[in-house]
Amino acid sequence: MGRIIVLFLKRLWLPTLVFGAFCLLCVGVYMRMEGLRPLDAFFWVFHPHSIDYRSVGATTKLFSIFVYVGVFAFQVWIAERVMVTIFNRQGLEAWKSMVNDANIAKLKDHFIICGYGQVGRTVVDQLTRFEIPFVLIETNEGLCRELLNNGILVIQGDAKRQDVLVQAGIQRACGICIVIDSDADNLYITVTARSLNAKAKIITRAGQQRYANAIRTSGADEVVIPEYEGGLMTGRMIQKFYPTHGNLE
C-alpha cells in the first residue's frame, strides 16, 4: 500500500500544486469582482451552476466560463496521471504487491517455504500441483518480482527475521519448510519458527549430518539431507538393475 501511495504522490504532486494555485486565483478574482466571502467564492469555482446569471455582470459570466473550462482541464490532467500510474510497469507491480499482501494476510493453515533454490523450486511446484496453500519467503528481489508476476504469494525478506515470519503468517500456518542452502540459517529459522508456533510442522533441509542432529534437536519434525536421500535413491536404482540383486543398503 505504501508503494502505491508513493507512486501517486510522485505522479500527482505537480497537477495538484498547479490546480491548488488555480483555485486560489479564481477565489481571489471572484471575491474582488463580486464581493464574495472566501467560502462562497470557493463554492462558485466547483459549482458554477450556483451562479445566478441574472445578478452578475458580463465579465463575471466570461470568467465563470474560463473557470469551468479550467477545472475540467485539470480533471482530465489528473485523471491521465492516475491512469498512467496505475497501468505503467511500476504501478502494476505495486498493485500486484498490494493484492499479494492482502492474500497473504487471509491465509490460514498454509505452509511457509523459506528459500527458492533448487529444492525450494521443487517444493513450490509440488505444492502448486497438489493445490496446497503456501507463501514463499525469498531474499532475491528479481526472483520475487518474477514470482509475483506469476501469481505466487511471496514475501521479499530474510526468513531469519521474526517480523518476516510473522508477516508470512507463522502463527496461523500449518507448517514451514526451510530449504535455504545455509545449514546455520536453517537452524536459526527452525528455532525462531518453533518459538512462534509450537504446533507447526517444521521440515528443514540440512547439508551435513551433524547439522541435521542439531536441527532435529532444535524443534524440526523432519530433517531432509538432499544429497543423502539422493544417494539412497541412486543405490536403490542400482540394486534394481544389478543382475545379482545384491543388497547395497
C-alpha atoms as a PDB file:
ATOM      1  CA  MET A   1       0.000   0.000   0.000  1.00  0.00           C
ATOM      2  CA  GLY A   2       2.845   2.365   0.862  1.00  0.00           C
ATOM      3  CA  ARG A   3       4.449   1.864  -2.561  1.00  0.00           C
ATOM      4  CA  ILE A   4       1.217   2.816  -4.323  1.00  0.00           C
ATOM      5  CA  ILE A   5       0.861   5.988  -2.245  1.00  0.00           C
ATOM      6  CA  VAL A   6       4.441   6.988  -3.054  1.00  0.00           C
ATOM      7  CA  LEU A   7       3.871   6.399  -6.779  1.00  0.00           C
ATOM      8  CA  PHE A   8       0.703   8.504  -6.769  1.00  0.00           C
ATOM      9  CA  LEU A   9       2.435  11.307  -4.877  1.00  0.00           C
ATOM     10  CA  LYS A  10       5.251  11.356  -7.432  1.00  0.00           C
ATOM     11  CA  ARG A  11       2.813  11.471 -10.336  1.00  0.00           C
ATOM     12  CA  LEU A  12       0.233  13.878  -8.905  1.00  0.00           C
ATOM     13  CA  TRP A  13       2.239  16.476  -6.994  1.00  0.00           C
ATOM     14  CA  LEU A  14       2.611  18.839  -9.983  1.00  0.00           C
ATOM     15  CA  PRO A  15      -1.019  18.853 -11.233  1.00  0.00           C
ATOM     16  CA  THR A  16      -2.242  19.053  -7.637  1.00  0.00           C
ATOM     17  CA  LEU A  17       0.020  22.025  -6.886  1.00  0.00           C
ATOM     18  CA  VAL A  18      -0.949  23.877 -10.082  1.00  0.00           C
ATOM     19  CA  PHE A  19      -4.633  23.127  -9.514  1.00  0.00           C
ATOM     20  CA  GLY A  20      -4.411  24.496  -5.978  1.00  0.00           C
ATOM     21  CA  ALA A  21      -2.833  27.717  -7.263  1.00  0.00           C
ATOM     22  CA  PHE A  22      -5.533  27.967  -9.943  1.00  0.00           C
ATOM     23  CA  CYS A  23      -8.292  27.607  -7.325  1.00  0.00           C
ATOM     24  CA  LEU A  24      -6.754  30.291  -5.101  1.00  0.00           C
ATOM     25  CA  LEU A  25      -6.526  32.637  -8.097  1.00  0.00           C
ATOM     26  CA  CYS A  26     -10.171  32.035  -9.024  1.00  0.00           C
ATOM     27  CA  VAL A  27     -11.337  32.543  -5.443  1.00  0.00           C
ATOM     28  CA  GLY A  28      -9.445  35.835  -5.292  1.00  0.00           C
ATOM     29  CA  VAL A  29     -10.929  37.064  -8.567  1.00  0.00           C
ATOM     30  CA  TYR A  30     -14.478  36.136  -7.538  1.00  0.00           C
ATOM     31  CA  MET A  31     -14.038  37.915  -4.185  1.00  0.00           C
ATOM     32  CA  ARG A  32     -12.783  41.041  -5.918  1.00  0.00           C
ATOM     33  CA  MET A  33     -15.370  41.066  -8.700  1.00  0.00           C
ATOM     34  CA  GLU A  34     -18.481  40.130  -6.710  1.00  0.00           C
ATOM     35  CA  GLY A  35     -17.515  40.890  -3.100  1.00  0.00           C
ATOM     36  CA  LEU A  36     -17.995  37.266  -2.044  1.00  0.00           C
ATOM     37  CA  ARG A  37     -16.762  35.608   1.100  1.00  0.00           C
ATOM     38  CA  PRO A  38     -13.899  33.092   0.544  1.00  0.00           C
ATOM     39  CA  LEU A  39     -16.160  30.073   1.130  1.00  0.00           C
ATOM     40  CA  ASP A  40     -18.802  31.354  -1.300  1.00  0.00           C
ATOM     41  CA  ALA A  41     -16.158  32.108  -3.928  1.00  0.00           C
ATOM     42  CA  PHE A  42     -14.663  28.643  -3.474  1.00  0.00           C
ATOM     43  CA  PHE A  43     -18.134  27.149  -3.907  1.00  0.00           C
ATOM     44  CA  TRP A  44     -18.546  29.031  -7.185  1.00  0.00           C
ATOM     45  CA  VAL A  45     -15.315  27.507  -8.502  1.00  0.00           C
ATOM     46  CA  PHE A  46     -16.567  23.950  -8.081  1.00  0.00           C
ATOM     47  CA  HIS A  47     -20.262  24.600  -8.593  1.00  0.00           C
ATOM     48  CA  PRO A  48     -20.692  27.204 -11.336  1.00  0.00           C
ATOM     49  CA  HIS A  49     -24.381  26.306 -11.691  1.00  0.00           C
ATOM     50  CA  SER A  50     -24.980  28.064  -8.388  1.00  0.00           C
ATOM     51  CA  ILE A  51     -24.189  31.422 -10.014  1.00  0.00           C
ATOM     52  CA  ASP A  52     -27.313  33.465 -10.745  1.00  0.00           C
ATOM     53  CA  TYR A  53     -26.667  34.721 -14.260  1.00  0.00           C
ATOM     54  CA  ARG A  54     -29.246  37.487 -13.790  1.00  0.00           C
ATOM     55  CA  SER A  55     -27.401  39.080 -10.881  1.00  0.00           C
ATOM     56  CA  VAL A  56     -23.835  39.079 -12.251  1.00  0.00           C
ATOM     57  CA  GLY A  57     -22.195  41.115 -14.957  1.00  0.00           C
ATOM     58  CA  ALA A  58     -20.830  40.013 -18.318  1.00  0.00           C
ATOM     59  CA  THR A  59     -17.244  39.961 -17.008  1.00  0.00           C
ATOM     60  CA  THR A  60     -18.190  37.531 -14.247  1.00  0.00           C
ATOM     61  CA  LYS A  61     -20.007  35.318 -16.744  1.00  0.00           C
ATOM     62  CA  LEU A  62     -16.971  35.165 -19.048  1.00  0.00           C
ATOM     63  CA  PHE A  63     -14.684  34.454 -16.107  1.00  0.00           C
ATOM     64  CA  SER A  64     -17.033  31.677 -14.917  1.00  0.00           C
ATOM     65  CA  ILE A  65     -16.739  30.029 -18.335  1.00  0.00           C
ATOM     66  CA  PHE A  66     -12.945  30.254 -18.034  1.00  0.00           C
ATOM     67  CA  VAL A  67     -13.098  28.688 -14.563  1.00  0.00           C
ATOM     68  CA  TYR A  68     -15.363  25.880 -15.755  1.00  0.00           C
ATOM     69  CA  VAL A  69     -13.056  25.016 -18.665  1.00  0.00           C
ATOM     70  CA  GLY A  70     -10.015  25.252 -16.402  1.00  0.00           C
ATOM     71  CA  VAL A  71     -11.449  22.904 -13.788  1.00  0.00           C
ATOM     72  CA  PHE A  72     -12.399  20.405 -16.500  1.00  0.00           C
ATOM     73  CA  ALA A  73      -8.889  20.576 -17.982  1.00  0.00           C
ATOM     74  CA  PHE A  74      -7.340  19.880 -14.577  1.00  0.00           C
ATOM     75  CA  GLN A  75      -9.695  16.925 -14.088  1.00  0.00           C
ATOM     76  CA  VAL A  76      -8.513  15.468 -17.383  1.00  0.00           C
ATOM     77  CA  TRP A  77      -4.857  16.080 -16.460  1.00  0.00           C
ATOM     78  CA  ILE A  78      -5.200  14.434 -13.048  1.00  0.00           C
ATOM     79  CA  ALA A  79      -7.182  11.509 -14.498  1.00  0.00           C
ATOM     80  CA  GLU A  80      -4.455  10.980 -17.097  1.00  0.00           C
ATOM     81  CA  ARG A  81      -1.785  10.934 -14.365  1.00  0.00           C
ATOM     82  CA  VAL A  82      -3.825   8.438 -12.350  1.00  0.00           C
ATOM     83  CA  MET A  83      -4.253   6.118 -15.344  1.00  0.00           C
ATOM     84  CA  VAL A  84      -0.560   6.304 -16.213  1.00  0.00           C
ATOM     85  CA  THR A  85       0.350   5.490 -12.622  1.00  0.00           C
ATOM     86  CA  ILE A  86      -1.997   2.517 -12.454  1.00  0.00           C
ATOM     87  CA  PHE A  87      -1.121   0.969 -15.808  1.00  0.00           C
ATOM     88  CA  ASN A  88       2.616   1.585 -16.082  1.00  0.00           C
ATOM     89  CA  ARG A  89       5.031  -1.155 -15.023  1.00  0.00           C
ATOM     90  CA  GLN A  90       5.736   0.269 -11.585  1.00  0.00           C
ATOM     91  CA  GLY A  91       2.059   0.851 -10.931  1.00  0.00           C
ATOM     92  CA  LEU A  92       1.110  -2.677 -11.953  1.00  0.00           C
ATOM     93  CA  GLU A  93       3.860  -4.121  -9.770  1.00  0.00           C
ATOM     94  CA  ALA A  94       2.735  -2.008  -6.818  1.00  0.00           C
ATOM     95  CA  TRP A  95      -0.872  -3.108  -7.350  1.00  0.00           C
ATOM     96  CA  LYS A  96       0.153  -6.767  -7.560  1.00  0.00           C
ATOM     97  CA  SER A  97       2.224  -6.338  -4.419  1.00  0.00           C
ATOM     98  CA  MET A  98      -0.757  -4.895  -2.545  1.00  0.00           C
ATOM     99  CA  VAL A  99      -3.014  -7.766  -3.698  1.00  0.00           C
ATOM    100  CA  ASN A 100      -0.256 -10.227  -2.757  1.00  0.00           C
ATOM    101  CA  ASP A 101      -0.007  -8.804   0.773  1.00  0.00           C
ATOM    102  CA  ALA A 102      -3.792  -8.857   1.188  1.00  0.00           C
ATOM    103  CA  ASN A 103      -3.988 -12.503   0.119  1.00  0.00           C
ATOM    104  CA  ILE A 104      -1.172 -13.484   2.477  1.00  0.00           C
ATOM    105  CA  ALA A 105      -2.974 -11.792   5.360  1.00  0.00           C
ATOM    106  CA  LYS A 106      -6.010 -14.034   4.677  1.00  0.00           C
ATOM    107  CA  LEU A 107      -4.046 -17.305   4.597  1.00  0.00           C
ATOM    108  CA  LYS A 108      -4.696 -19.908   7.267  1.00  0.00           C
ATOM    109  CA  ASP A 109      -3.467 -23.498   7.712  1.00  0.00           C
ATOM    110  CA  HIS A 110      -0.908 -22.922   4.980  1.00  0.00           C
ATOM    111  CA  PHE A 111       2.753 -23.797   4.559  1.00  0.00           C
ATOM    112  CA  ILE A 112       5.616 -21.329   4.543  1.00  0.00           C
ATOM    113  CA  ILE A 113       8.504 -22.086   2.194  1.00  0.00           C
ATOM    114  CA  CYS A 114      11.837 -20.466   3.045  1.00  0.00           C
ATOM    115  CA  GLY A 115      14.183 -20.278   0.075  1.00  0.00           C
ATOM    116  CA  TYR A 116      13.702 -20.646  -3.666  1.00  0.00           C
ATOM    117  CA  GLY A 117      16.789 -22.599  -4.608  1.00  0.00           C
ATOM    118  CA  GLN A 118      16.757 -25.938  -6.404  1.00  0.00           C
ATOM    119  CA  VAL A 119      14.992 -27.695  -3.532  1.00  0.00           C
ATOM    120  CA  GLY A 120      12.627 -24.793  -2.932  1.00  0.00           C
ATOM    121  CA  ARG A 121      11.571 -24.708  -6.570  1.00  0.00           C
ATOM    122  CA  THR A 122      10.677 -28.381  -6.448  1.00  0.00           C
ATOM    123  CA  VAL A 123       8.703 -27.915  -3.240  1.00  0.00           C
ATOM    124  CA  VAL A 124       6.799 -24.962  -4.726  1.00  0.00           C
ATOM    125  CA  ASP A 125       5.993 -26.962  -7.869  1.00  0.00           C
ATOM    126  CA  GLN A 126       4.682 -29.858  -5.793  1.00  0.00           C
ATOM    127  CA  LEU A 127       2.540 -27.687  -3.524  1.00  0.00           C
ATOM    128  CA  THR A 128       1.148 -25.878  -6.564  1.00  0.00           C
ATOM    129  CA  ARG A 129       0.351 -29.220  -8.177  1.00  0.00           C
ATOM    130  CA  PHE A 130      -1.431 -30.513  -5.064  1.00  0.00           C
ATOM    131  CA  GLU A 131      -3.187 -27.146  -4.530  1.00  0.00           C
ATOM    132  CA  ILE A 132      -1.772 -26.768  -1.012  1.00  0.00           C
ATOM    133  CA  PRO A 133      -1.808 -23.099   0.047  1.00  0.00           C
ATOM    134  CA  PHE A 134       1.621 -21.645   0.710  1.00  0.00           C
ATOM    135  CA  VAL A 135       3.629 -18.455   0.851  1.00  0.00           C
ATOM    136  CA  LEU A 136       7.263 -18.238  -0.197  1.00  0.00           C
ATOM    137  CA  ILE A 137       9.950 -16.189   1.544  1.00  0.00           C
ATOM    138  CA  GLU A 138      12.857 -15.191  -0.709  1.00  0.00           C
ATOM    139  CA  THR A 139      15.589 -12.551  -0.453  1.00  0.00           C
ATOM    140  CA  ASN A 140      16.275 -12.083  -4.169  1.00  0.00           C
ATOM    141  CA  GLU A 141      14.325  -9.072  -5.456  1.00  0.00           C
ATOM    142  CA  GLY A 142      14.383 -10.193  -9.102  1.00  0.00           C
ATOM    143  CA  LEU A 143      13.047 -13.643  -8.237  1.00  0.00           C
ATOM    144  CA  CYS A 144      10.325 -12.125  -6.063  1.00  0.00           C
ATOM    145  CA  ARG A 145       9.226  -9.861  -8.894  1.00  0.00           C
ATOM    146  CA  GLU A 146       9.102 -12.810 -11.282  1.00  0.00           C
ATOM    147  CA  LEU A 147       7.134 -14.944  -8.819  1.00  0.00           C
ATOM    148  CA  LEU A 148       4.752 -12.079  -8.116  1.00  0.00           C
ATOM    149  CA  ASN A 149       4.048 -11.742 -11.839  1.00  0.00           C
ATOM    150  CA  ASN A 150       3.346 -15.486 -11.954  1.00  0.00           C
ATOM    151  CA  GLY A 151       0.741 -15.173  -9.210  1.00  0.00           C
ATOM    152  CA  ILE A 152       2.755 -16.909  -6.473  1.00  0.00           C
ATOM    153  CA  LEU A 153       2.350 -15.494  -2.978  1.00  0.00           C
ATOM    154  CA  VAL A 154       5.798 -14.296  -1.981  1.00  0.00           C
ATOM    155  CA  ILE A 155       7.466 -12.089   0.602  1.00  0.00           C
ATOM    156  CA  GLN A 156      10.798 -10.465  -0.136  1.00  0.00           C
ATOM    157  CA  GLY A 157      12.787 -10.646   3.067  1.00  0.00           C
ATOM    158  CA  ASP A 158      15.091 -12.604   5.325  1.00  0.00           C
ATOM    159  CA  ALA A 159      13.343 -15.595   6.896  1.00  0.00           C
ATOM    160  CA  LYS A 160      15.703 -15.330   9.892  1.00  0.00           C
ATOM    161  CA  ARG A 161      13.847 -12.179  10.902  1.00  0.00           C
ATOM    162  CA  GLN A 162      10.933 -12.758  13.232  1.00  0.00           C
ATOM    163  CA  ASP A 163       8.808  -9.989  11.680  1.00  0.00           C
ATOM    164  CA  VAL A 164       9.141 -11.604   8.237  1.00  0.00           C
ATOM    165  CA  LEU A 165       7.893 -14.944   9.586  1.00  0.00           C
ATOM    166  CA  VAL A 166       5.017 -13.136  11.298  1.00  0.00           C
ATOM    167  CA  GLN A 167       4.180 -11.367   8.027  1.00  0.00           C
ATOM    168  CA  ALA A 168       4.091 -14.787   6.361  1.00  0.00           C
ATOM    169  CA  GLY A 169       1.536 -15.873   8.967  1.00  0.00           C
ATOM    170  CA  ILE A 170       3.650 -18.281  11.007  1.00  0.00           C
ATOM    171  CA  GLN A 171       1.141 -18.197  13.885  1.00  0.00           C
ATOM    172  CA  ARG A 172      -1.647 -19.292  11.511  1.00  0.00           C
ATOM    173  CA  ALA A 173       0.431 -21.696   9.442  1.00  0.00           C
ATOM    174  CA  CYS A 174       0.069 -25.460   9.349  1.00  0.00           C
ATOM    175  CA  GLY A 175       3.795 -25.810   8.879  1.00  0.00           C
ATOM    176  CA  ILE A 176       7.019 -24.414   7.498  1.00  0.00           C
ATOM    177  CA  CYS A 177       9.545 -25.876   5.074  1.00  0.00           C
ATOM    178  CA  ILE A 178      13.042 -24.415   5.468  1.00  0.00           C
ATOM    179  CA  VAL A 179      15.234 -25.214   2.465  1.00  0.00           C
ATOM    180  CA  ILE A 180      17.871 -22.475   2.370  1.00  0.00           C
ATOM    181  CA  ASP A 181      21.377 -23.501   1.290  1.00  0.00           C
ATOM    182  CA  SER A 182      22.914 -22.493   4.645  1.00  0.00           C
ATOM    183  CA  ASP A 183      22.670 -25.028   7.479  1.00  0.00           C
ATOM    184  CA  ALA A 184      23.312 -22.322  10.083  1.00  0.00           C
ATOM    185  CA  ASP A 185      20.465 -20.194   8.720  1.00  0.00           C
ATOM    186  CA  ASN A 186      18.147 -23.198   8.600  1.00  0.00           C
ATOM    187  CA  LEU A 187      18.942 -23.987  12.227  1.00  0.00           C
ATOM    188  CA  TYR A 188      18.253 -20.405  13.300  1.00  0.00           C
ATOM    189  CA  ILE A 189      14.951 -20.252  11.383  1.00  0.00           C
ATOM    190  CA  THR A 190      13.886 -23.580  12.891  1.00  0.00           C
ATOM    191  CA  VAL A 191      14.400 -22.258  16.399  1.00  0.00           C
ATOM    192  CA  THR A 192      12.592 -18.987  15.622  1.00  0.00           C
ATOM    193  CA  ALA A 193       9.659 -20.707  13.907  1.00  0.00           C
ATOM    194  CA  ARG A 194       9.222 -23.155  16.783  1.00  0.00           C
ATOM    195  CA  SER A 195       9.166 -20.279  19.283  1.00  0.00           C
ATOM    196  CA  LEU A 196       6.443 -18.530  17.272  1.00  0.00           C
ATOM    197  CA  ASN A 197       4.262 -21.595  16.679  1.00  0.00           C
ATOM    198  CA  ALA A 198       4.682 -24.633  18.904  1.00  0.00           C
ATOM    199  CA  LYS A 199       2.174 -26.685  16.879  1.00  0.00           C
ATOM    200  CA  ALA A 200       3.526 -26.052  13.388  1.00  0.00           C
ATOM    201  CA  LYS A 201       5.102 -28.918  11.471  1.00  0.00           C
ATOM    202  CA  ILE A 202       8.682 -27.997  10.629  1.00  0.00           C
ATOM    203  CA  ILE A 203      10.559 -29.622   7.755  1.00  0.00           C
ATOM    204  CA  THR A 204      14.148 -28.453   7.450  1.00  0.00           C
ATOM    205  CA  ARG A 205      16.906 -29.091   4.972  1.00  0.00           C
ATOM    206  CA  ALA A 206      20.420 -29.940   6.160  1.00  0.00           C
ATOM    207  CA  GLY A 207      23.583 -30.305   4.171  1.00  0.00           C
ATOM    208  CA  GLN A 208      25.553 -32.230   6.788  1.00  0.00           C
ATOM    209  CA  GLN A 209      24.598 -34.928   9.276  1.00  0.00           C
ATOM    210  CA  ARG A 210      25.994 -33.011  12.246  1.00  0.00           C
ATOM    211  CA  TYR A 211      23.696 -30.110  11.465  1.00  0.00           C
ATOM    212  CA  ALA A 212      20.789 -32.488  10.935  1.00  0.00           C
ATOM    213  CA  ASN A 213      21.054 -33.697  14.524  1.00  0.00           C
ATOM    214  CA  ALA A 214      21.219 -30.136  15.859  1.00  0.00           C
ATOM    215  CA  ILE A 215      18.250 -29.036  13.751  1.00  0.00           C
ATOM    216  CA  ARG A 216      16.188 -32.008  14.861  1.00  0.00           C
ATOM    217  CA  THR A 217      17.003 -31.269  18.494  1.00  0.00           C
ATOM    218  CA  SER A 218      16.034 -27.617  17.989  1.00  0.00           C
ATOM    219  CA  GLY A 219      12.443 -28.479  17.068  1.00  0.00           C
ATOM    220  CA  ALA A 220      12.274 -29.730  13.489  1.00  0.00           C
ATOM    221  CA  ASP A 221       9.803 -32.564  12.905  1.00  0.00           C
ATOM    222  CA  GLU A 222      11.622 -33.765   9.796  1.00  0.00           C
ATOM    223  CA  VAL A 223      15.160 -33.098   8.566  1.00  0.00           C
ATOM    224  CA  VAL A 224      15.984 -33.791   4.921  1.00  0.00           C
ATOM    225  CA  ILE A 225      19.517 -34.167   3.571  1.00  0.00           C
ATOM    226  CA  PRO A 226      19.043 -33.979  -0.225  1.00  0.00           C
ATOM    227  CA  GLU A 227      22.457 -35.416  -1.054  1.00  0.00           C
ATOM    228  CA  TYR A 228      21.953 -38.337   1.330  1.00  0.00           C
ATOM    229  CA  GLU A 229      18.415 -39.007   0.077  1.00  0.00           C
ATOM    230  CA  GLY A 230      19.647 -38.795  -3.495  1.00  0.00           C
ATOM    231  CA  GLY A 231      22.386 -41.307  -2.713  1.00  0.00           C
ATOM    232  CA  LEU A 232      19.897 -43.752  -1.212  1.00  0.00           C
ATOM    233  CA  MET A 233      17.619 -43.447  -4.224  1.00  0.00           C
ATOM    234  CA  THR A 234      20.515 -43.976  -6.609  1.00  0.00           C
ATOM    235  CA  GLY A 235      21.573 -47.018  -4.628  1.00  0.00           C
ATOM    236  CA  ARG A 236      18.070 -48.484  -4.867  1.00  0.00           C
ATOM    237  CA  MET A 237      18.076 -47.941  -8.625  1.00  0.00           C
ATOM    238  CA  ILE A 238      21.431 -49.715  -8.959  1.00  0.00           C
ATOM    239  CA  GLN A 239      20.118 -52.566  -6.806  1.00  0.00           C
ATOM    240  CA  LYS A 240      17.074 -52.851  -9.046  1.00  0.00           C
ATOM    241  CA  PHE A 241      19.125 -53.227 -12.219  1.00  0.00           C
ATOM    242  CA  TYR A 242      22.062 -55.202 -10.780  1.00  0.00           C
ATOM    243  CA  PRO A 243      21.933 -58.788 -12.108  1.00  0.00           C
ATOM    244  CA  THR A 244      22.544 -60.482  -8.742  1.00  0.00           C
ATOM    245  CA  HIS A 245      20.076 -58.100  -6.937  1.00  0.00           C
ATOM    246  CA  GLY A 246      22.601 -57.714  -4.149  1.00  0.00           C
ATOM    247  CA  ASN A 247      21.635 -55.736  -1.085  1.00  0.00           C
ATOM    248  CA  LEU A 248      23.521 -52.451  -1.308  1.00  0.00           C
ATOM    249  CA  GLU A 249      21.936 -50.783   1.726  1.00  0.00           C
END
